PDB file of N, CA and C in Angstrom:
ATOM      1  N   MET A   1      11.671   5.472 -31.009  1.00  0.00           N
ATOM      2  CA  MET A   1      11.349   5.079 -29.662  1.00  0.00           C
ATOM      3  C   MET A   1      12.149   3.846 -29.282  1.00  0.00           C
ATOM      4  N   GLN A   2      12.581   3.775 -28.049  1.00  0.00           N
ATOM      5  CA  GLN A   2      13.344   2.643 -27.555  1.00  0.00           C
ATOM      6  C   GLN A   2      12.449   1.417 -27.421  1.00  0.00           C
ATOM      7  N   LYS A   3      12.985   0.250 -27.831  1.00  0.00           N
ATOM      8  CA  LYS A   3      12.236  -0.999 -27.714  1.00  0.00           C
ATOM      9  C   LYS A   3      12.078  -1.361 -26.248  1.00  0.00           C
ATOM     10  N   PRO A   4      10.968  -2.051 -25.909  1.00  0.00           N
ATOM     11  CA  PRO A   4      10.834  -2.528 -24.531  1.00  0.00           C
ATOM     12  C   PRO A   4      11.824  -3.658 -24.262  1.00  0.00           C
ATOM     13  N   SER A   5      12.097  -3.914 -23.006  1.00  0.00           N
ATOM     14  CA  SER A   5      12.997  -5.002 -22.613  1.00  0.00           C
ATOM     15  C   SER A   5      12.412  -6.344 -23.036  1.00  0.00           C
ATOM     16  N   ALA A   6      13.272  -7.348 -23.126  1.00  0.00           N
ATOM     17  CA  ALA A   6      12.830  -8.696 -23.495  1.00  0.00           C
ATOM     18  C   ALA A   6      11.731  -9.150 -22.540  1.00  0.00           C
ATOM     19  N   GLY A   7      10.684  -9.736 -23.093  1.00  0.00           N
ATOM     20  CA  GLY A   7       9.555 -10.205 -22.294  1.00  0.00           C
ATOM     21  C   GLY A   7       8.472  -9.163 -22.101  1.00  0.00           C
ATOM     22  N   TRP A   8       8.749  -7.919 -22.474  1.00  0.00           N
ATOM     23  CA  TRP A   8       7.762  -6.853 -22.352  1.00  0.00           C
ATOM     24  C   TRP A   8       7.089  -6.623 -23.709  1.00  0.00           C
ATOM     25  N   ILE A   9       5.903  -6.034 -23.680  1.00  0.00           N
ATOM     26  CA  ILE A   9       5.125  -5.711 -24.874  1.00  0.00           C
ATOM     27  C   ILE A   9       4.966  -4.189 -24.937  1.00  0.00           C
ATOM     28  N   CYS A  10       5.023  -3.640 -26.138  1.00  0.00           N
ATOM     29  CA  CYS A  10       4.793  -2.207 -26.327  1.00  0.00           C
ATOM     30  C   CYS A  10       3.374  -1.994 -26.853  1.00  0.00           C
ATOM     31  N   LEU A  11       2.605  -1.170 -26.161  1.00  0.00           N
ATOM     32  CA  LEU A  11       1.269  -0.764 -26.602  1.00  0.00           C
ATOM     33  C   LEU A  11       1.388   0.655 -27.119  1.00  0.00           C
ATOM     34  N   ASN A  12       1.109   0.856 -28.398  1.00  0.00           N
ATOM     35  CA  ASN A  12       1.138   2.178 -29.006  1.00  0.00           C
ATOM     36  C   ASN A  12      -0.287   2.557 -29.367  1.00  0.00           C
ATOM     37  N   VAL A  13      -0.781   3.677 -28.855  1.00  0.00           N
ATOM     38  CA  VAL A  13      -2.146   4.116 -29.125  1.00  0.00           C
ATOM     39  C   VAL A  13      -2.142   5.498 -29.753  1.00  0.00           C
ATOM     40  N   ASP A  14      -3.184   5.768 -30.519  1.00  0.00           N
ATOM     41  CA  ASP A  14      -3.333   7.065 -31.160  1.00  0.00           C
ATOM     42  C   ASP A  14      -4.816   7.333 -31.379  1.00  0.00           C
ATOM     43  N   ALA A  15      -5.148   8.579 -31.614  1.00  0.00           N
ATOM     44  CA  ALA A  15      -6.527   8.986 -31.880  1.00  0.00           C
ATOM     45  C   ALA A  15      -6.556   9.866 -33.117  1.00  0.00           C
ATOM     46  N   ALA A  16      -7.664   9.802 -33.839  1.00  0.00           N
ATOM     47  CA  ALA A  16      -7.864  10.657 -35.018  1.00  0.00           C
ATOM     48  C   ALA A  16      -9.172  11.412 -34.839  1.00  0.00           C
ATOM     49  N   LEU A  17      -9.131  12.672 -35.228  1.00  0.00           N
ATOM     50  CA  LEU A  17     -10.298  13.527 -35.058  1.00  0.00           C
ATOM     51  C   LEU A  17     -10.393  14.487 -36.241  1.00  0.00           C
ATOM     52  N   PRO A  18     -11.205  14.157 -37.266  1.00  0.00           N
ATOM     53  CA  PRO A  18     -11.333  15.053 -38.420  1.00  0.00           C
ATOM     54  C   PRO A  18     -11.898  16.416 -38.014  1.00  0.00           C
ATOM     55  N   ASN A  19     -11.337  17.479 -38.565  1.00  0.00           N
ATOM     56  CA  ASN A  19     -11.776  18.832 -38.223  1.00  0.00           C
ATOM     57  C   ASN A  19     -13.240  19.083 -38.546  1.00  0.00           C
ATOM     58  N   LEU A  20     -13.723  18.555 -39.661  1.00  0.00           N
ATOM     59  CA  LEU A  20     -15.081  18.851 -40.105  1.00  0.00           C
ATOM     60  C   LEU A  20     -16.146  18.139 -39.276  1.00  0.00           C
ATOM     61  N   THR A  21     -16.009  16.841 -39.078  1.00  0.00           N
ATOM     62  CA  THR A  21     -17.070  16.070 -38.416  1.00  0.00           C
ATOM     63  C   THR A  21     -16.881  15.906 -36.919  1.00  0.00           C
ATOM     64  N   LYS A  22     -15.639  15.965 -36.439  1.00  0.00           N
ATOM     65  CA  LYS A  22     -15.311  15.723 -35.027  1.00  0.00           C
ATOM     66  C   LYS A  22     -15.708  14.316 -34.575  1.00  0.00           C
ATOM     67  N   ALA A  23     -15.931  13.404 -35.540  1.00  0.00           N
ATOM     68  CA  ALA A  23     -16.248  12.007 -35.225  1.00  0.00           C
ATOM     69  C   ALA A  23     -14.931  11.272 -35.016  1.00  0.00           C
ATOM     70  N   GLY A  24     -14.576  11.069 -33.776  1.00  0.00           N
ATOM     71  CA  GLY A  24     -13.272  10.520 -33.443  1.00  0.00           C
ATOM     72  C   GLY A  24     -13.183   9.013 -33.552  1.00  0.00           C
ATOM     73  N   SER A  25     -11.962   8.541 -33.695  1.00  0.00           N
ATOM     74  CA  SER A  25     -11.683   7.111 -33.652  1.00  0.00           C
ATOM     75  C   SER A  25     -10.323   6.921 -32.985  1.00  0.00           C
ATOM     76  N   VAL A  26     -10.149   5.759 -32.392  1.00  0.00           N
ATOM     77  CA  VAL A  26      -8.896   5.430 -31.726  1.00  0.00           C
ATOM     78  C   VAL A  26      -8.401   4.094 -32.256  1.00  0.00           C
ATOM     79  N   GLY A  27      -7.123   3.891 -32.145  1.00  0.00           N
ATOM     80  CA  GLY A  27      -6.547   2.627 -32.577  1.00  0.00           C
ATOM     81  C   GLY A  27      -5.238   2.397 -31.867  1.00  0.00           C
ATOM     82  N   GLY A  28      -4.780   1.175 -31.965  1.00  0.00           N
ATOM     83  CA  GLY A  28      -3.518   0.863 -31.323  1.00  0.00           C
ATOM     84  C   GLY A  28      -2.972  -0.466 -31.790  1.00  0.00           C
ATOM     85  N   VAL A  29      -1.748  -0.724 -31.378  1.00  0.00           N
ATOM     86  CA  VAL A  29      -1.072  -1.953 -31.750  1.00  0.00           C
ATOM     87  C   VAL A  29      -0.197  -2.407 -30.586  1.00  0.00           C
ATOM     88  N   PHE A  30      -0.137  -3.704 -30.385  1.00  0.00           N
ATOM     89  CA  PHE A  30       0.764  -4.316 -29.423  1.00  0.00           C
ATOM     90  C   PHE A  30       1.904  -4.946 -30.214  1.00  0.00           C
ATOM     91  N   ARG A  31       3.140  -4.666 -29.816  1.00  0.00           N
ATOM     92  CA  ARG A  31       4.318  -5.251 -30.460  1.00  0.00           C
ATOM     93  C   ARG A  31       5.220  -5.848 -29.386  1.00  0.00           C
ATOM     94  N   ASP A  32       5.935  -6.924 -29.771  1.00  0.00           N
ATOM     95  CA  ASP A  32       6.868  -7.534 -28.826  1.00  0.00           C
ATOM     96  C   ASP A  32       8.179  -6.750 -28.802  1.00  0.00           C
ATOM     97  N   SER A  33       9.133  -7.212 -28.007  1.00  0.00           N
ATOM     98  CA  SER A  33      10.390  -6.482 -27.838  1.00  0.00           C
ATOM     99  C   SER A  33      11.246  -6.458 -29.103  1.00  0.00           C
ATOM    100  N   GLU A  34      10.893  -7.277 -30.097  1.00  0.00           N
ATOM    101  CA  GLU A  34      11.596  -7.269 -31.388  1.00  0.00           C
ATOM    102  C   GLU A  34      10.873  -6.403 -32.418  1.00  0.00           C
ATOM    103  N   GLY A  35       9.744  -5.829 -32.041  1.00  0.00           N
ATOM    104  CA  GLY A  35       8.985  -4.984 -32.952  1.00  0.00           C
ATOM    105  C   GLY A  35       7.952  -5.727 -33.779  1.00  0.00           C
ATOM    106  N   ASN A  36       7.745  -7.009 -33.506  1.00  0.00           N
ATOM    107  CA  ASN A  36       6.758  -7.806 -34.244  1.00  0.00           C
ATOM    108  C   ASN A  36       5.342  -7.472 -33.787  1.00  0.00           C
ATOM    109  N   TRP A  37       4.431  -7.312 -34.761  1.00  0.00           N
ATOM    110  CA  TRP A  37       3.033  -7.016 -34.478  1.00  0.00           C
ATOM    111  C   TRP A  37       2.389  -8.217 -33.810  1.00  0.00           C
ATOM    112  N   LEU A  38       1.664  -7.986 -32.704  1.00  0.00           N
ATOM    113  CA  LEU A  38       0.964  -9.055 -31.997  1.00  0.00           C
ATOM    114  C   LEU A  38      -0.554  -8.916 -32.112  1.00  0.00           C
ATOM    115  N   TYR A  39      -1.077  -7.741 -31.771  1.00  0.00           N
ATOM    116  CA  TYR A  39      -2.515  -7.477 -31.799  1.00  0.00           C
ATOM    117  C   TYR A  39      -2.727  -6.030 -32.208  1.00  0.00           C
ATOM    118  N   GLY A  40      -3.889  -5.770 -32.756  1.00  0.00           N
ATOM    119  CA  GLY A  40      -4.245  -4.403 -33.098  1.00  0.00           C
ATOM    120  C   GLY A  40      -5.709  -4.163 -32.801  1.00  0.00           C
ATOM    121  N   PHE A  41      -6.096  -2.906 -32.715  1.00  0.00           N
ATOM    122  CA  PHE A  41      -7.501  -2.571 -32.476  1.00  0.00           C
ATOM    123  C   PHE A  41      -7.836  -1.211 -33.079  1.00  0.00           C
ATOM    124  N   HIS A  42      -9.127  -1.016 -33.309  1.00  0.00           N
ATOM    125  CA  HIS A  42      -9.671   0.244 -33.814  1.00  0.00           C
ATOM    126  C   HIS A  42     -11.070   0.388 -33.250  1.00  0.00           C
ATOM    127  N   LYS A  43     -11.452   1.597 -32.885  1.00  0.00           N
ATOM    128  CA  LYS A  43     -12.794   1.817 -32.351  1.00  0.00           C
ATOM    129  C   LYS A  43     -13.242   3.230 -32.698  1.00  0.00           C
ATOM    130  N   SER A  44     -14.454   3.347 -33.210  1.00  0.00           N
ATOM    131  CA  SER A  44     -15.070   4.660 -33.415  1.00  0.00           C
ATOM    132  C   SER A  44     -15.627   5.114 -32.079  1.00  0.00           C
ATOM    133  N   ILE A  45     -15.380   6.367 -31.720  1.00  0.00           N
ATOM    134  CA  ILE A  45     -15.827   6.849 -30.411  1.00  0.00           C
ATOM    135  C   ILE A  45     -16.837   7.982 -30.513  1.00  0.00           C
ATOM    136  N   GLY A  46     -17.292   8.299 -31.713  1.00  0.00           N
ATOM    137  CA  GLY A  46     -18.317   9.325 -31.883  1.00  0.00           C
ATOM    138  C   GLY A  46     -17.754  10.733 -31.838  1.00  0.00           C
ATOM    139  N   ILE A  47     -18.652  11.695 -31.743  1.00  0.00           N
ATOM    140  CA  ILE A  47     -18.266  13.105 -31.746  1.00  0.00           C
ATOM    141  C   ILE A  47     -17.610  13.442 -30.415  1.00  0.00           C
ATOM    142  N   THR A  48     -16.414  14.001 -30.497  1.00  0.00           N
ATOM    143  CA  THR A  48     -15.626  14.270 -29.298  1.00  0.00           C
ATOM    144  C   THR A  48     -14.582  15.341 -29.586  1.00  0.00           C
ATOM    145  N   ASP A  49     -13.660  15.535 -28.667  1.00  0.00           N
ATOM    146  CA  ASP A  49     -12.535  16.438 -28.884  1.00  0.00           C
ATOM    147  C   ASP A  49     -11.250  15.689 -28.536  1.00  0.00           C
ATOM    148  N   VAL A  50     -10.112  16.280 -28.837  1.00  0.00           N
ATOM    149  CA  VAL A  50      -8.836  15.602 -28.662  1.00  0.00           C
ATOM    150  C   VAL A  50      -8.555  15.281 -27.189  1.00  0.00           C
ATOM    151  N   LEU A  51      -9.039  16.100 -26.275  1.00  0.00           N
ATOM    152  CA  LEU A  51      -8.810  15.849 -24.850  1.00  0.00           C
ATOM    153  C   LEU A  51      -9.553  14.609 -24.357  1.00  0.00           C
ATOM    154  N   GLN A  52     -10.611  14.209 -25.063  1.00  0.00           N
ATOM    155  CA  GLN A  52     -11.329  12.989 -24.714  1.00  0.00           C
ATOM    156  C   GLN A  52     -10.874  11.811 -25.563  1.00  0.00           C
ATOM    157  N   ALA A  53     -10.492  12.065 -26.801  1.00  0.00           N
ATOM    158  CA  ALA A  53     -10.122  10.981 -27.719  1.00  0.00           C
ATOM    159  C   ALA A  53      -8.841  10.273 -27.281  1.00  0.00           C
ATOM    160  N   GLU A  54      -7.824  11.005 -26.883  1.00  0.00           N
ATOM    161  CA  GLU A  54      -6.557  10.388 -26.471  1.00  0.00           C
ATOM    162  C   GLU A  54      -6.738   9.438 -25.284  1.00  0.00           C
ATOM    163  N   PRO A  55      -7.416   9.849 -24.210  1.00  0.00           N
ATOM    164  CA  PRO A  55      -7.634   8.910 -23.106  1.00  0.00           C
ATOM    165  C   PRO A  55      -8.488   7.699 -23.495  1.00  0.00           C
ATOM    166  N   TRP A  56      -9.435   7.878 -24.428  1.00  0.00           N
ATOM    167  CA  TRP A  56     -10.224   6.733 -24.901  1.00  0.00           C
ATOM    168  C   TRP A  56      -9.324   5.690 -25.538  1.00  0.00           C
ATOM    169  N   GLY A  57      -8.359   6.126 -26.324  1.00  0.00           N
ATOM    170  CA  GLY A  57      -7.429   5.185 -26.948  1.00  0.00           C
ATOM    171  C   GLY A  57      -6.657   4.399 -25.904  1.00  0.00           C
ATOM    172  N   LEU A  58      -6.219   5.086 -24.872  1.00  0.00           N
ATOM    173  CA  LEU A  58      -5.498   4.440 -23.784  1.00  0.00           C
ATOM    174  C   LEU A  58      -6.403   3.453 -23.045  1.00  0.00           C
ATOM    175  N   LEU A  59      -7.635   3.845 -22.771  1.00  0.00           N
ATOM    176  CA  LEU A  59      -8.581   2.975 -22.078  1.00  0.00           C
ATOM    177  C   LEU A  59      -8.879   1.705 -22.875  1.00  0.00           C
ATOM    178  N   VAL A  60      -9.116   1.846 -24.166  1.00  0.00           N
ATOM    179  CA  VAL A  60      -9.389   0.681 -25.013  1.00  0.00           C
ATOM    180  C   VAL A  60      -8.180  -0.246 -25.036  1.00  0.00           C
ATOM    181  N   GLY A  61      -6.981   0.321 -25.144  1.00  0.00           N
ATOM    182  CA  GLY A  61      -5.765  -0.484 -25.147  1.00  0.00           C
ATOM    183  C   GLY A  61      -5.546  -1.208 -23.828  1.00  0.00           C
ATOM    184  N   LEU A  62      -5.776  -0.527 -22.706  1.00  0.00           N
ATOM    185  CA  LEU A  62      -5.626  -1.166 -21.397  1.00  0.00           C
ATOM    186  C   LEU A  62      -6.649  -2.283 -21.201  1.00  0.00           C
ATOM    187  N   ASP A  63      -7.862  -2.059 -21.664  1.00  0.00           N
ATOM    188  CA  ASP A  63      -8.900  -3.086 -21.561  1.00  0.00           C
ATOM    189  C   ASP A  63      -8.514  -4.325 -22.374  1.00  0.00           C
ATOM    190  N   LEU A  64      -7.995  -4.119 -23.576  1.00  0.00           N
ATOM    191  CA  LEU A  64      -7.565  -5.247 -24.400  1.00  0.00           C
ATOM    192  C   LEU A  64      -6.372  -5.957 -23.761  1.00  0.00           C
ATOM    193  N   ALA A  65      -5.407  -5.215 -23.215  1.00  0.00           N
ATOM    194  CA  ALA A  65      -4.266  -5.832 -22.541  1.00  0.00           C
ATOM    195  C   ALA A  65      -4.744  -6.712 -21.393  1.00  0.00           C
ATOM    196  N   HIS A  66      -5.719  -6.235 -20.656  1.00  0.00           N
ATOM    197  CA  HIS A  66      -6.273  -7.008 -19.544  1.00  0.00           C
ATOM    198  C   HIS A  66      -6.937  -8.284 -20.043  1.00  0.00           C
ATOM    199  N   SER A  67      -7.738  -8.178 -21.102  1.00  0.00           N
ATOM    200  CA  SER A  67      -8.435  -9.359 -21.612  1.00  0.00           C
ATOM    201  C   SER A  67      -7.477 -10.364 -22.253  1.00  0.00           C
ATOM    202  N   LEU A  68      -6.318  -9.909 -22.726  1.00  0.00           N
ATOM    203  CA  LEU A  68      -5.314 -10.799 -23.321  1.00  0.00           C
ATOM    204  C   LEU A  68      -4.302 -11.300 -22.281  1.00  0.00           C
ATOM    205  N   ASP A  69      -4.499 -10.920 -21.027  1.00  0.00           N
ATOM    206  CA  ASP A  69      -3.587 -11.291 -19.934  1.00  0.00           C
ATOM    207  C   ASP A  69      -2.155 -10.828 -20.172  1.00  0.00           C
ATOM    208  N   ILE A  70      -1.990  -9.650 -20.788  1.00  0.00           N
ATOM    209  CA  ILE A  70      -0.663  -9.067 -20.972  1.00  0.00           C
ATOM    210  C   ILE A  70      -0.331  -8.312 -19.694  1.00  0.00           C
ATOM    211  N   GLU A  71       0.737  -8.722 -19.028  1.00  0.00           N
ATOM    212  CA  GLU A  71       1.055  -8.140 -17.728  1.00  0.00           C
ATOM    213  C   GLU A  71       2.222  -7.164 -17.744  1.00  0.00           C
ATOM    214  N   LEU A  72       3.152  -7.309 -18.664  1.00  0.00           N
ATOM    215  CA  LEU A  72       4.310  -6.417 -18.714  1.00  0.00           C
ATOM    216  C   LEU A  72       4.274  -5.644 -20.032  1.00  0.00           C
ATOM    217  N   PHE A  73       3.934  -4.378 -19.968  1.00  0.00           N
ATOM    218  CA  PHE A  73       3.897  -3.615 -21.205  1.00  0.00           C
ATOM    219  C   PHE A  73       4.276  -2.164 -20.997  1.00  0.00           C
ATOM    220  N   GLN A  74       4.758  -1.585 -22.064  1.00  0.00           N
ATOM    221  CA  GLN A  74       5.129  -0.177 -22.132  1.00  0.00           C
ATOM    222  C   GLN A  74       4.066   0.510 -22.959  1.00  0.00           C
ATOM    223  N   ILE A  75       3.633   1.673 -22.536  1.00  0.00           N
ATOM    224  CA  ILE A  75       2.582   2.408 -23.242  1.00  0.00           C
ATOM    225  C   ILE A  75       3.190   3.625 -23.923  1.00  0.00           C
ATOM    226  N   SER A  76       2.825   3.818 -25.176  1.00  0.00           N
ATOM    227  CA  SER A  76       3.247   5.003 -25.911  1.00  0.00           C
ATOM    228  C   SER A  76       2.035   5.559 -26.627  1.00  0.00           C
ATOM    229  N   ARG A  77       1.793   6.834 -26.448  1.00  0.00           N
ATOM    230  CA  ARG A  77       0.677   7.428 -27.190  1.00  0.00           C
ATOM    231  C   ARG A  77       1.200   8.651 -27.914  1.00  0.00           C
ATOM    232  N   HIS A  78       0.892   8.731 -29.182  1.00  0.00           N
ATOM    233  CA  HIS A  78       1.357   9.840 -30.015  1.00  0.00           C
ATOM    234  C   HIS A  78       0.328  10.952 -29.968  1.00  0.00           C
ATOM    235  N   CYS A  79       0.788  12.121 -29.579  1.00  0.00           N
ATOM    236  CA  CYS A  79      -0.147  13.247 -29.542  1.00  0.00           C
ATOM    237  C   CYS A  79       0.495  14.523 -30.069  1.00  0.00           C
ATOM    238  N   ARG A  80       1.622  14.388 -30.751  1.00  0.00           N
ATOM    239  CA  ARG A  80       2.283  15.554 -31.344  1.00  0.00           C
ATOM    240  C   ARG A  80       2.201  15.477 -32.851  1.00  0.00           C
ATOM    241  N   GLN A  81       2.125  16.599 -33.491  1.00  0.00           N
ATOM    242  CA  GLN A  81       2.013  16.624 -34.944  1.00  0.00           C
ATOM    243  C   GLN A  81       3.227  16.052 -35.643  1.00  0.00           C
ATOM    244  N   ASP A  82       4.408  16.106 -35.012  1.00  0.00           N
ATOM    245  CA  ASP A  82       5.608  15.584 -35.654  1.00  0.00           C
ATOM    246  C   ASP A  82       5.724  14.063 -35.516  1.00  0.00           C
ATOM    247  N   GLY A  83       4.762  13.417 -34.810  1.00  0.00           N
ATOM    248  CA  GLY A  83       4.766  11.969 -34.675  1.00  0.00           C
ATOM    249  C   GLY A  83       5.634  11.452 -33.544  1.00  0.00           C
ATOM    250  N   SER A  84       6.312  12.346 -32.817  1.00  0.00           N
ATOM    251  CA  SER A  84       7.136  11.876 -31.707  1.00  0.00           C
ATOM    252  C   SER A  84       6.241  11.532 -30.525  1.00  0.00           C
ATOM    253  N   PRO A  85       6.658  10.552 -29.710  1.00  0.00           N
ATOM    254  CA  PRO A  85       5.803  10.143 -28.592  1.00  0.00           C
ATOM    255  C   PRO A  85       5.566  11.289 -27.618  1.00  0.00           C
ATOM    256  N   GLY A  86       4.318  11.471 -27.258  1.00  0.00           N
ATOM    257  CA  GLY A  86       3.984  12.483 -26.277  1.00  0.00           C
ATOM    258  C   GLY A  86       4.009  11.921 -24.873  1.00  0.00           C
ATOM    259  N   PHE A  87       3.993  10.605 -24.747  1.00  0.00           N
ATOM    260  CA  PHE A  87       3.939   9.981 -23.440  1.00  0.00           C
ATOM    261  C   PHE A  87       4.444   8.553 -23.568  1.00  0.00           C
ATOM    262  N   VAL A  88       5.362   8.157 -22.726  1.00  0.00           N
ATOM    263  CA  VAL A  88       5.843   6.775 -22.705  1.00  0.00           C
ATOM    264  C   VAL A  88       5.936   6.356 -21.249  1.00  0.00           C
ATOM    265  N   SER A  89       5.386   5.203 -20.919  1.00  0.00           N
ATOM    266  CA  SER A  89       5.438   4.709 -19.556  1.00  0.00           C
ATOM    267  C   SER A  89       5.486   3.191 -19.566  1.00  0.00           C
ATOM    268  N   SER A  90       6.181   2.604 -18.622  1.00  0.00           N
ATOM    269  CA  SER A  90       6.198   1.157 -18.459  1.00  0.00           C
ATOM    270  C   SER A  90       5.261   0.790 -17.334  1.00  0.00           C
ATOM    271  N   PHE A  91       4.604  -0.347 -17.467  1.00  0.00           N
ATOM    272  CA  PHE A  91       3.579  -0.735 -16.529  1.00  0.00           C
ATOM    273  C   PHE A  91       3.620  -2.231 -16.282  1.00  0.00           C
ATOM    274  N   SER A  92       3.539  -2.615 -15.052  1.00  0.00           N
ATOM    275  CA  SER A  92       3.450  -4.020 -14.686  1.00  0.00           C
ATOM    276  C   SER A  92       2.485  -4.154 -13.526  1.00  0.00           C
ATOM    277  N   PRO A  93       1.316  -4.769 -13.744  1.00  0.00           N
ATOM    278  CA  PRO A  93       0.355  -4.917 -12.645  1.00  0.00           C
ATOM    279  C   PRO A  93       0.951  -5.621 -11.433  1.00  0.00           C
ATOM    280  N   SER A  94       1.907  -6.519 -11.652  1.00  0.00           N
ATOM    281  CA  SER A  94       2.461  -7.268 -10.532  1.00  0.00           C
ATOM    282  C   SER A  94       3.300  -6.404  -9.596  1.00  0.00           C
ATOM    283  N   VAL A  95       3.743  -5.224 -10.058  1.00  0.00           N
ATOM    284  CA  VAL A  95       4.530  -4.355  -9.193  1.00  0.00           C
ATOM    285  C   VAL A  95       3.766  -3.091  -8.803  1.00  0.00           C
ATOM    286  N   CYS A  96       2.489  -3.052  -9.104  1.00  0.00           N
ATOM    287  CA  CYS A  96       1.650  -1.913  -8.748  1.00  0.00           C
ATOM    288  C   CYS A  96       0.563  -2.403  -7.793  1.00  0.00           C
ATOM    289  N   PRO A  97       0.781  -2.346  -6.478  1.00  0.00           N
ATOM    290  CA  PRO A  97      -0.173  -2.917  -5.546  1.00  0.00           C
ATOM    291  C   PRO A  97      -1.557  -2.291  -5.607  1.00  0.00           C
ATOM    292  N   SER A  98      -1.682  -1.063  -6.098  1.00  0.00           N
ATOM    293  CA  SER A  98      -2.996  -0.431  -6.151  1.00  0.00           C
ATOM    294  C   SER A  98      -3.819  -0.917  -7.343  1.00  0.00           C
ATOM    295  N   THR A  99      -3.208  -1.669  -8.247  1.00  0.00           N
ATOM    296  CA  THR A  99      -3.926  -2.175  -9.422  1.00  0.00           C
ATOM    297  C   THR A  99      -4.698  -3.427  -9.037  1.00  0.00           C
ATOM    298  N   PRO A 100      -6.023  -3.438  -9.235  1.00  0.00           N
ATOM    299  CA  PRO A 100      -6.790  -4.629  -8.876  1.00  0.00           C
ATOM    300  C   PRO A 100      -6.355  -5.809  -9.732  1.00  0.00           C
ATOM    301  N   SER A 101      -6.195  -6.949  -9.103  1.00  0.00           N
ATOM    302  CA  SER A 101      -5.805  -8.134  -9.861  1.00  0.00           C
ATOM    303  C   SER A 101      -7.040  -8.790 -10.462  1.00  0.00           C
ATOM    304  N   ARG A 102      -6.840  -9.488 -11.531  1.00  0.00           N
ATOM    305  CA  ARG A 102      -7.922 -10.159 -12.223  1.00  0.00           C
ATOM    306  C   ARG A 102      -8.302 -11.427 -11.444  1.00  0.00           C
ATOM    307  N   PRO A 103      -9.597 -11.670 -11.245  1.00  0.00           N
ATOM    308  CA  PRO A 103      -9.998 -12.868 -10.509  1.00  0.00           C
ATOM    309  C   PRO A 103      -9.627 -14.139 -11.276  1.00  0.00           C
ATOM    310  N   PRO A 104      -9.267 -15.207 -10.558  1.00  0.00           N
ATOM    311  CA  PRO A 104      -8.896 -16.439 -11.235  1.00  0.00           C
ATOM    312  C   PRO A 104     -10.061 -17.019 -12.032  1.00  0.00           C
ATOM    313  N   GLY A 105      -9.698 -17.744 -13.080  1.00  0.00           N
ATOM    314  CA  GLY A 105     -10.729 -18.430 -13.870  1.00  0.00           C
ATOM    315  C   GLY A 105     -10.957 -17.765 -15.110  1.00  0.00           C
TER     316      GLY A 105
END
């Protein structure tokens, strides 16, 4: 995967769903433009399916980015068996007028 531009952060999220229990979990990592690990997360999401688990991983990652005041980031979520990115997008709240801004303080 291509590194994000200088000053941007890469958020990589993934979900795991064991065939037997269907007890899903999500996790992710934030890395800087040099590939250095910044933050990571993991969350158990209970019994679910892959169509719900993948968006949960994205939601948890976006919530953490918001709480860490990360404004420029690229999102990558792996959803293919070969490990290649299934989705990559760049995001900046400052250039997305429909994104609610965080209240000061």
